[in-house]
C-alpha atoms as a PDB file:
ATOM      1  CA  UNK A   1      98.756  67.919 119.692  1.00  0.00           C
ATOM      2  CA  UNK A   2     102.087  70.011 121.155  1.00  0.00           C
ATOM      3  CA  UNK A   3     104.038  68.214 118.208  1.00  0.00           C
ATOM      4  CA  UNK A   4     101.716  69.605 115.893  1.00  0.00           C
ATOM      5  CA  UNK A   5     102.170  73.110 116.818  1.00  0.00           C
ATOM      6  CA  UNK A   6     105.674  72.492 116.921  1.00  0.00           C
ATOM      7  CA  UNK A   7     105.914  71.477 113.182  1.00  0.00           C
ATOM      8  CA  UNK A   8     103.617  74.671 112.477  1.00  0.00           C
ATOM      9  CA  UNK A   9     105.404  76.842 113.762  1.00  0.00           C
ATOM     10  CA  UNK A  10     108.990  75.173 112.269  1.00  0.00           C
ATOM     11  CA  UNK A  11     107.378  75.754 108.634  1.00  0.00           C
ATOM     12  CA  UNK A  12     106.667  79.190 109.636  1.00  0.00           C
ATOM     13  CA  UNK A  13     110.235  80.063 110.607  1.00  0.00           C
ATOM     14  CA  UNK A  14     111.116  78.106 107.444  1.00  0.00           C
ATOM     15  CA  UNK A  15     108.777  80.001 105.024  1.00  0.00           C
ATOM     16  CA  UNK A  16     109.208  83.539 106.800  1.00  0.00           C
ATOM     17  CA  UNK A  17     113.704  82.515 106.348  1.00  0.00           C
ATOM     18  CA  UNK A  18     112.946  82.116 102.973  1.00  0.00           C
ATOM     19  CA  UNK A  19     111.159  85.640 101.995  1.00  0.00           C
ATOM     20  CA  UNK A  20     113.696  86.771 103.489  1.00  0.00           C
ATOM     21  CA  UNK A  21     116.386  85.226 101.564  1.00  0.00           C
ATOM     22  CA  UNK A  22     115.247  84.623  98.198  1.00  0.00           C
ATOM     23  CA  UNK A  23     113.267  88.546  97.977  1.00  0.00           C
ATOM     24  CA  UNK A  24     114.433  91.567  96.677  1.00  0.00           C
ATOM     25  CA  UNK A  25     115.426  94.104  99.025  1.00  0.00           C
ATOM     26  CA  UNK A  26     116.209  97.951  98.371  1.00  0.00           C
ATOM     27  CA  UNK A  27     120.002  98.199  97.301  1.00  0.00           C
ATOM     28  CA  UNK A  28     121.583 100.642  99.978  1.00  0.00           C
ATOM     29  CA  UNK A  29     124.117 102.937  99.438  1.00  0.00           C
ATOM     30  CA  UNK A  30     126.338 104.232 102.791  1.00  0.00           C
ATOM     31  CA  UNK A  31     123.291 102.694 104.388  1.00  0.00           C
ATOM     32  CA  UNK A  32     121.239 105.015 103.036  1.00  0.00           C
ATOM     33  CA  UNK A  33     118.932 104.046 100.200  1.00  0.00           C
ATOM     34  CA  UNK A  34     118.887 105.549  96.683  1.00  0.00           C
ATOM     35  CA  UNK A  35     115.978 108.026  97.510  1.00  0.00           C
ATOM     36  CA  UNK A  36     117.555 109.615 100.419  1.00  0.00           C
ATOM     37  CA  UNK A  37     120.710 110.660  98.381  1.00  0.00           C
ATOM     38  CA  UNK A  38     118.260 112.059  95.567  1.00  0.00           C
ATOM     39  CA  UNK A  39     116.957 114.125  98.513  1.00  0.00           C
ATOM     40  CA  UNK A  40     120.441 115.011  99.775  1.00  0.00           C
ATOM     41  CA  UNK A  41     121.754 115.745  96.696  1.00  0.00           C
ATOM     42  CA  UNK A  42     118.628 118.662  96.346  1.00  0.00           C
ATOM     43  CA  UNK A  43     120.061 119.941  99.984  1.00  0.00           C
ATOM     44  CA  UNK A  44     120.541 123.621 100.480  1.00  0.00           C
ATOM     45  CA  UNK A  45     123.463 122.774 102.490  1.00  0.00           C
ATOM     46  CA  UNK A  46     126.664 121.708 101.802  1.00  0.00           C
ATOM     47  CA  UNK A  47     128.257 119.195 103.087  1.00  0.00           C
ATOM     48  CA  UNK A  48     124.931 117.065 103.180  1.00  0.00           C
ATOM     49  CA  UNK A  49     124.923 118.033  99.299  1.00  0.00           C
ATOM     50  CA  UNK A  50     128.566 117.138  99.319  1.00  0.00           C
ATOM     51  CA  UNK A  51     128.330 114.337 100.828  1.00  0.00           C
ATOM     52  CA  UNK A  52     126.052 112.942  98.337  1.00  0.00           C
ATOM     53  CA  UNK A  53     127.718 113.962  95.509  1.00  0.00           C
ATOM     54  CA  UNK A  54     130.713 112.113  96.572  1.00  0.00           C
ATOM     55  CA  UNK A  55     128.256 108.705  97.339  1.00  0.00           C
ATOM     56  CA  UNK A  56     126.675 109.616  93.573  1.00  0.00           C
ATOM     57  CA  UNK A  57     130.208 109.709  91.436  1.00  0.00           C
ATOM     58  CA  UNK A  58     132.136 106.821  93.974  1.00  0.00           C
ATOM     59  CA  UNK A  59     128.667 104.558  94.219  1.00  0.00           C
ATOM     60  CA  UNK A  60     125.215 104.851  92.940  1.00  0.00           C
ATOM     61  CA  UNK A  61     126.824 105.825  88.910  1.00  0.00           C
ATOM     62  CA  UNK A  62     129.436 102.852  89.361  1.00  0.00           C
ATOM     63  CA  UNK A  63     126.549 100.737  91.066  1.00  0.00           C
ATOM     64  CA  UNK A  64     123.184 100.936  88.594  1.00  0.00           C
ATOM     65  CA  UNK A  65     125.778 101.020  85.244  1.00  0.00           C
ATOM     66  CA  UNK A  66     127.250  97.997  86.285  1.00  0.00           C
ATOM     67  CA  UNK A  67     123.628  96.701  87.290  1.00  0.00           C
ATOM     68  CA  UNK A  68     122.693  98.266  83.255  1.00  0.00           C
ATOM     69  CA  UNK A  69     124.418  96.502  81.859  1.00  0.00           C
ATOM     70  CA  UNK A  70     125.466  93.320  83.690  1.00  0.00           C
ATOM     71  CA  UNK A  71     122.604  92.227  85.119  1.00  0.00           C
ATOM     72  CA  UNK A  72     121.329  89.786  82.217  1.00  0.00           C
ATOM     73  CA  UNK A  73     121.040  86.356  84.165  1.00  0.00           C
ATOM     74  CA  UNK A  74     118.156  84.866  87.185  1.00  0.00           C
ATOM     75  CA  UNK A  75     118.440  81.758  89.283  1.00  0.00           C
ATOM     76  CA  UNK A  76     115.732  79.581  88.324  1.00  0.00           C
ATOM     77  CA  UNK A  77     115.414  78.196  91.094  1.00  0.00           C
ATOM     78  CA  UNK A  78     114.693  81.424  93.207  1.00  0.00           C
ATOM     79  CA  UNK A  79     112.288  82.654  90.543  1.00  0.00           C
ATOM     80  CA  UNK A  80     110.631  79.247  91.367  1.00  0.00           C
ATOM     81  CA  UNK A  81     110.856  79.336  94.780  1.00  0.00           C
ATOM     82  CA  UNK A  82     109.353  82.863  94.855  1.00  0.00           C
ATOM     83  CA  UNK A  83     106.198  81.807  92.914  1.00  0.00           C
ATOM     84  CA  UNK A  84     105.374  78.563  94.717  1.00  0.00           C
ATOM     85  CA  UNK A  85     105.733  80.986  98.317  1.00  0.00           C
ATOM     86  CA  UNK A  86     103.824  83.399  96.687  1.00  0.00           C
ATOM     87  CA  UNK A  87     100.698  81.160  96.336  1.00  0.00           C
ATOM     88  CA  UNK A  88     101.067  80.488  99.411  1.00  0.00           C
ATOM     89  CA  UNK A  89      98.378  82.528 101.922  1.00  0.00           C
ATOM     90  CA  UNK A  90      99.607  85.676 102.997  1.00  0.00           C
ATOM     91  CA  UNK A  91     102.776  85.333 101.685  1.00  0.00           C
ATOM     92  CA  UNK A  92     103.679  88.622  99.599  1.00  0.00           C
ATOM     93  CA  UNK A  93     107.760  88.195  98.265  1.00  0.00           C
ATOM     94  CA  UNK A  94     108.715  91.361  95.838  1.00  0.00           C
ATOM     95  CA  UNK A  95     111.182  90.124  93.147  1.00  0.00           C
ATOM     96  CA  UNK A  96     112.010  91.465  90.360  1.00  0.00           C
ATOM     97  CA  UNK A  97     113.574  89.463  87.339  1.00  0.00           C
ATOM     98  CA  UNK A  98     116.579  90.524  85.620  1.00  0.00           C
ATOM     99  CA  UNK A  99     115.092  93.113  82.985  1.00  0.00           C
ATOM    100  CA  UNK A 100     113.256  94.888  85.003  1.00  0.00           C
ATOM    101  CA  UNK A 101     116.376  95.592  87.028  1.00  0.00           C
ATOM    102  CA  UNK A 102     118.348  96.912  84.240  1.00  0.00           C
ATOM    103  CA  UNK A 103     115.725  98.760  83.842  1.00  0.00           C
ATOM    104  CA  UNK A 104     115.519  99.949  86.775  1.00  0.00           C
ATOM    105  CA  UNK A 105     119.068 101.003  86.761  1.00  0.00           C
ATOM    106  CA  UNK A 106     118.600 102.777  83.694  1.00  0.00           C
ATOM    107  CA  UNK A 107     115.186 105.280  85.203  1.00  0.00           C
ATOM    108  CA  UNK A 108     117.566 105.708  88.502  1.00  0.00           C
ATOM    109  CA  UNK A 109     120.400 107.693  86.896  1.00  0.00           C
ATOM    110  CA  UNK A 110     118.700 110.266  86.250  1.00  0.00           C
ATOM    111  CA  UNK A 111     116.592 110.619  89.755  1.00  0.00           C
ATOM    112  CA  UNK A 112     119.812 112.580  90.780  1.00  0.00           C
ATOM    113  CA  UNK A 113     119.778 114.906  87.948  1.00  0.00           C
ATOM    114  CA  UNK A 114     122.450 116.855  86.931  1.00  0.00           C
ATOM    115  CA  UNK A 115     124.433 115.911  89.931  1.00  0.00           C
ATOM    116  CA  UNK A 116     125.166 112.499  87.248  1.00  0.00           C
ATOM    117  CA  UNK A 117     125.736 114.248  84.161  1.00  0.00           C
ATOM    118  CA  UNK A 118     129.030 111.587  84.650  1.00  0.00           C
ATOM    119  CA  UNK A 119     126.589 108.654  83.586  1.00  0.00           C
ATOM    120  CA  UNK A 120     125.620 110.333  80.149  1.00  0.00           C
ATOM    121  CA  UNK A 121     127.867 108.046  78.821  1.00  0.00           C
ATOM    122  CA  UNK A 122     126.389 104.399  79.987  1.00  0.00           C
ATOM    123  CA  UNK A 123     123.391 106.214  78.729  1.00  0.00           C
ATOM    124  CA  UNK A 124     123.669 107.170  75.713  1.00  0.00           C
ATOM    125  CA  UNK A 125     126.013 103.431  75.128  1.00  0.00           C
ATOM    126  CA  UNK A 126     122.560 102.020  76.133  1.00  0.00           C
ATOM    127  CA  UNK A 127     120.217 104.541  74.344  1.00  0.00           C
ATOM    128  CA  UNK A 128     122.154 103.090  71.399  1.00  0.00           C
ATOM    129  CA  UNK A 129     122.371  99.225  72.367  1.00  0.00           C
ATOM    130  CA  UNK A 130     120.121  96.379  71.394  1.00  0.00           C
ATOM    131  CA  UNK A 131     118.532  96.279  74.882  1.00  0.00           C
ATOM    132  CA  UNK A 132     114.800  96.815  74.854  1.00  0.00           C
ATOM    133  CA  UNK A 133     114.705  97.181  78.610  1.00  0.00           C
ATOM    134  CA  UNK A 134     117.084  99.411  79.334  1.00  0.00           C
ATOM    135  CA  UNK A 135     117.037 101.889  75.630  1.00  0.00           C
ATOM    136  CA  UNK A 136     113.647 103.603  76.091  1.00  0.00           C
ATOM    137  CA  UNK A 137     114.824 104.442  80.084  1.00  0.00           C
ATOM    138  CA  UNK A 138     117.618 105.671  79.680  1.00  0.00           C
ATOM    139  CA  UNK A 139     116.292 108.310  77.016  1.00  0.00           C
ATOM    140  CA  UNK A 140     113.781 109.567  79.537  1.00  0.00           C
ATOM    141  CA  UNK A 141     117.240 109.628  81.986  1.00  0.00           C
ATOM    142  CA  UNK A 142     119.345 111.702  79.522  1.00  0.00           C
ATOM    143  CA  UNK A 143     116.470 114.597  79.858  1.00  0.00           C
ATOM    144  CA  UNK A 144     116.280 114.692  83.528  1.00  0.00           C
ATOM    145  CA  UNK A 145     119.971 114.811  82.994  1.00  0.00           C
ATOM    146  CA  UNK A 146     119.172 117.942  80.636  1.00  0.00           C
ATOM    147  CA  UNK A 147     122.780 118.185  80.224  1.00  0.00           C
ATOM    148  CA  UNK A 148     124.670 118.393  76.938  1.00  0.00           C
ATOM    149  CA  UNK A 149     122.165 120.008  74.972  1.00  0.00           C
ATOM    150  CA  UNK A 150     123.890 121.116  72.074  1.00  0.00           C
ATOM    151  CA  UNK A 151     124.486 117.083  71.946  1.00  0.00           C
ATOM    152  CA  UNK A 152     121.589 115.464  73.362  1.00  0.00           C
ATOM    153  CA  UNK A 153     118.771 116.864  71.650  1.00  0.00           C
ATOM    154  CA  UNK A 154     119.523 116.531  67.887  1.00  0.00           C
ATOM    155  CA  UNK A 155     119.970 113.118  69.425  1.00  0.00           C
ATOM    156  CA  UNK A 156     117.223 112.349  70.953  1.00  0.00           C
ATOM    157  CA  UNK A 157     115.032 113.784  67.565  1.00  0.00           C
ATOM    158  CA  UNK A 158     116.624 111.407  65.457  1.00  0.00           C
ATOM    159  CA  UNK A 159     114.772 108.926  68.047  1.00  0.00           C
ATOM    160  CA  UNK A 160     111.690 110.413  67.355  1.00  0.00           C
ATOM    161  CA  UNK A 161     111.664 107.877  64.491  1.00  0.00           C
ATOM    162  CA  UNK A 162     112.215 104.449  66.814  1.00  0.00           C
ATOM    163  CA  UNK A 163     108.965 103.523  66.498  1.00  0.00           C
ATOM    164  CA  UNK A 164     109.544 102.060  70.046  1.00  0.00           C
ATOM    165  CA  UNK A 165     111.414 104.939  71.520  1.00  0.00           C
ATOM    166  CA  UNK A 166     109.019 108.194  69.574  1.00  0.00           C
ATOM    167  CA  UNK A 167     107.563 108.324  73.423  1.00  0.00           C
ATOM    168  CA  UNK A 168     110.209 107.983  75.354  1.00  0.00           C
ATOM    169  CA  UNK A 169     112.145 110.561  73.389  1.00  0.00           C
ATOM    170  CA  UNK A 170     109.403 113.007  73.552  1.00  0.00           C
ATOM    171  CA  UNK A 171     109.590 113.160  77.288  1.00  0.00           C
ATOM    172  CA  UNK A 172     112.955 113.660  77.249  1.00  0.00           C
ATOM    173  CA  UNK A 173     113.131 116.489  74.773  1.00  0.00           C
ATOM    174  CA  UNK A 174     110.310 118.231  76.979  1.00  0.00           C
ATOM    175  CA  UNK A 175     112.625 118.006  79.996  1.00  0.00           C
ATOM    176  CA  UNK A 176     114.538 120.776  78.124  1.00  0.00           C
ATOM    177  CA  UNK A 177     112.628 122.612  77.976  1.00  0.00           C
ATOM    178  CA  UNK A 178     112.921 125.654  75.419  1.00  0.00           C
ATOM    179  CA  UNK A 179     116.031 124.208  74.374  1.00  0.00           C
ATOM    180  CA  UNK A 180     113.787 121.888  72.173  1.00  0.00           C
ATOM    181  CA  UNK A 181     112.282 123.984  70.236  1.00  0.00           C
ATOM    182  CA  UNK A 182     114.067 123.005  67.406  1.00  0.00           C
ATOM    183  CA  UNK A 183     112.315 119.432  67.617  1.00  0.00           C
ATOM    184  CA  UNK A 184     108.746 121.328  67.499  1.00  0.00           C
ATOM    185  CA  UNK A 185     108.552 120.606  63.812  1.00  0.00           C
ATOM    186  CA  UNK A 186     108.917 116.922  64.062  1.00  0.00           C
ATOM    187  CA  UNK A 187     106.896 116.902  67.303  1.00  0.00           C
ATOM    188  CA  UNK A 188     104.189 118.614  65.822  1.00  0.00           C
ATOM    189  CA  UNK A 189     104.068 116.521  63.129  1.00  0.00           C
ATOM    190  CA  UNK A 190     103.749 113.172  64.841  1.00  0.00           C
ATOM    191  CA  UNK A 191     100.934 114.157  67.101  1.00  0.00           C
ATOM    192  CA  UNK A 192      98.684 113.388  63.510  1.00  0.00           C
ATOM    193  CA  UNK A 193      99.884 109.687  64.867  1.00  0.00           C
ATOM    194  CA  UNK A 194      97.088 107.961  66.199  1.00  0.00           C
ATOM    195  CA  UNK A 195      98.927 106.832  69.139  1.00  0.00           C
ATOM    196  CA  UNK A 196      97.009 108.268  72.349  1.00  0.00           C
ATOM    197  CA  UNK A 197     100.167 107.310  74.324  1.00  0.00           C
ATOM    198  CA  UNK A 198     101.976 109.504  71.948  1.00  0.00           C
ATOM    199  CA  UNK A 199      99.790 111.756  71.766  1.00  0.00           C
ATOM    200  CA  UNK A 200      99.841 113.197  75.154  1.00  0.00           C
ATOM    201  CA  UNK A 201     103.317 112.784  75.506  1.00  0.00           C
ATOM    202  CA  UNK A 202     103.777 115.192  72.629  1.00  0.00           C
ATOM    203  CA  UNK A 203     101.307 117.651  74.464  1.00  0.00           C
ATOM    204  CA  UNK A 204     103.275 117.651  77.910  1.00  0.00           C
ATOM    205  CA  UNK A 205     105.993 118.575  75.972  1.00  0.00           C
ATOM    206  CA  UNK A 206     105.112 121.557  73.897  1.00  0.00           C
ATOM    207  CA  UNK A 207     103.883 122.885  77.006  1.00  0.00           C
ATOM    208  CA  UNK A 208     107.679 122.651  78.194  1.00  0.00           C
ATOM    209  CA  UNK A 209     109.024 123.894  74.928  1.00  0.00           C
ATOM    210  CA  UNK A 210     106.490 125.724  73.105  1.00  0.00           C
ATOM    211  CA  UNK A 211     103.100 126.967  74.332  1.00  0.00           C
ATOM    212  CA  UNK A 212     102.214 127.981  71.452  1.00  0.00           C
ATOM    213  CA  UNK A 213     102.753 125.143  69.356  1.00  0.00           C
ATOM    214  CA  UNK A 214     100.893 123.183  72.758  1.00  0.00           C
ATOM    215  CA  UNK A 215      97.963 125.393  72.171  1.00  0.00           C
ATOM    216  CA  UNK A 216      97.787 124.252  67.801  1.00  0.00           C
ATOM    217  CA  UNK A 217      97.943 120.455  68.770  1.00  0.00           C
ATOM    218  CA  UNK A 218      95.737 121.135  71.369  1.00  0.00           C
ATOM    219  CA  UNK A 219      92.686 122.032  69.496  1.00  0.00           C
ATOM    220  CA  UNK A 220      93.290 118.463  67.497  1.00  0.00           C
ATOM    221  CA  UNK A 221      93.310 116.285  71.101  1.00  0.00           C
ATOM    222  CA  UNK A 222      89.879 115.633  70.355  1.00  0.00           C
ATOM    223  CA  UNK A 223      89.284 115.372  66.673  1.00  0.00           C
ATOM    224  CA  UNK A 224      91.635 112.279  66.924  1.00  0.00           C
ATOM    225  CA  UNK A 225      90.306 108.676  67.721  1.00  0.00           C
END
C-alpha cells in the first residue's frame, strides 16, 4: 500500500508539473498584468499614469504587436498534451492556439484607449492584411483608441462593404461618436441586411453617432426576421 501511495503521489506530481509547464500563463509587464496597466494609465495620479505610459510604449505595444504578426506556430506535442491532460478528471488547463493569441493581441492594443495611439500603424497593417483572426479585432481596437478620425473613419466606412468586417467596422465607428456622422447613410442602408447581429451593432453604433438615426432604424427592428 505504501508503494501504491508513493506511486500515486508521483503521478499526481507529474501531472501537476505538466499542467504548470504546458498551460498558458498570463503575460506580465514589469511584473503586472495588462489589466493593471490599463487601469493605471487612466489614473488621476500623474506618477502612476506616466509610469503606465512608459510601460505601454516600451513593452506592451511592442510585445503585443510582435504577437499579432509573428505568433503563428503551435507545438503539436504541446496541444496533444493539453488535450490529453484535460481529459483527466479535475484537470482544466487554459490554452489558446496561435490564432486566438494573435486575436487577443490585436484586441488588447485597444484596451488602453487614446494612450495607445502609437499602435495605430500596426493595427492598420493588420486590418489591411490577410489574417482573418486579427482583422476584426484590429478594427475594434482602432475605434477604442479613437484617434486620427480624419484618416480612420473613411477607412472604416470602406470596410463596411466587407462582409467579414462589417460588424467590427460598425462597432469601431460607434466608438468615434458624432465624428462618424458621415457614416450614417451607409449604416442606415445596411440596416436592411437580414443579419440580426449586424443590425444590433448598427443600432448600438447609431445611438452614439446620431440619436435621430438610431430612432429611425429602431422602428424597423421588429420588422425583420
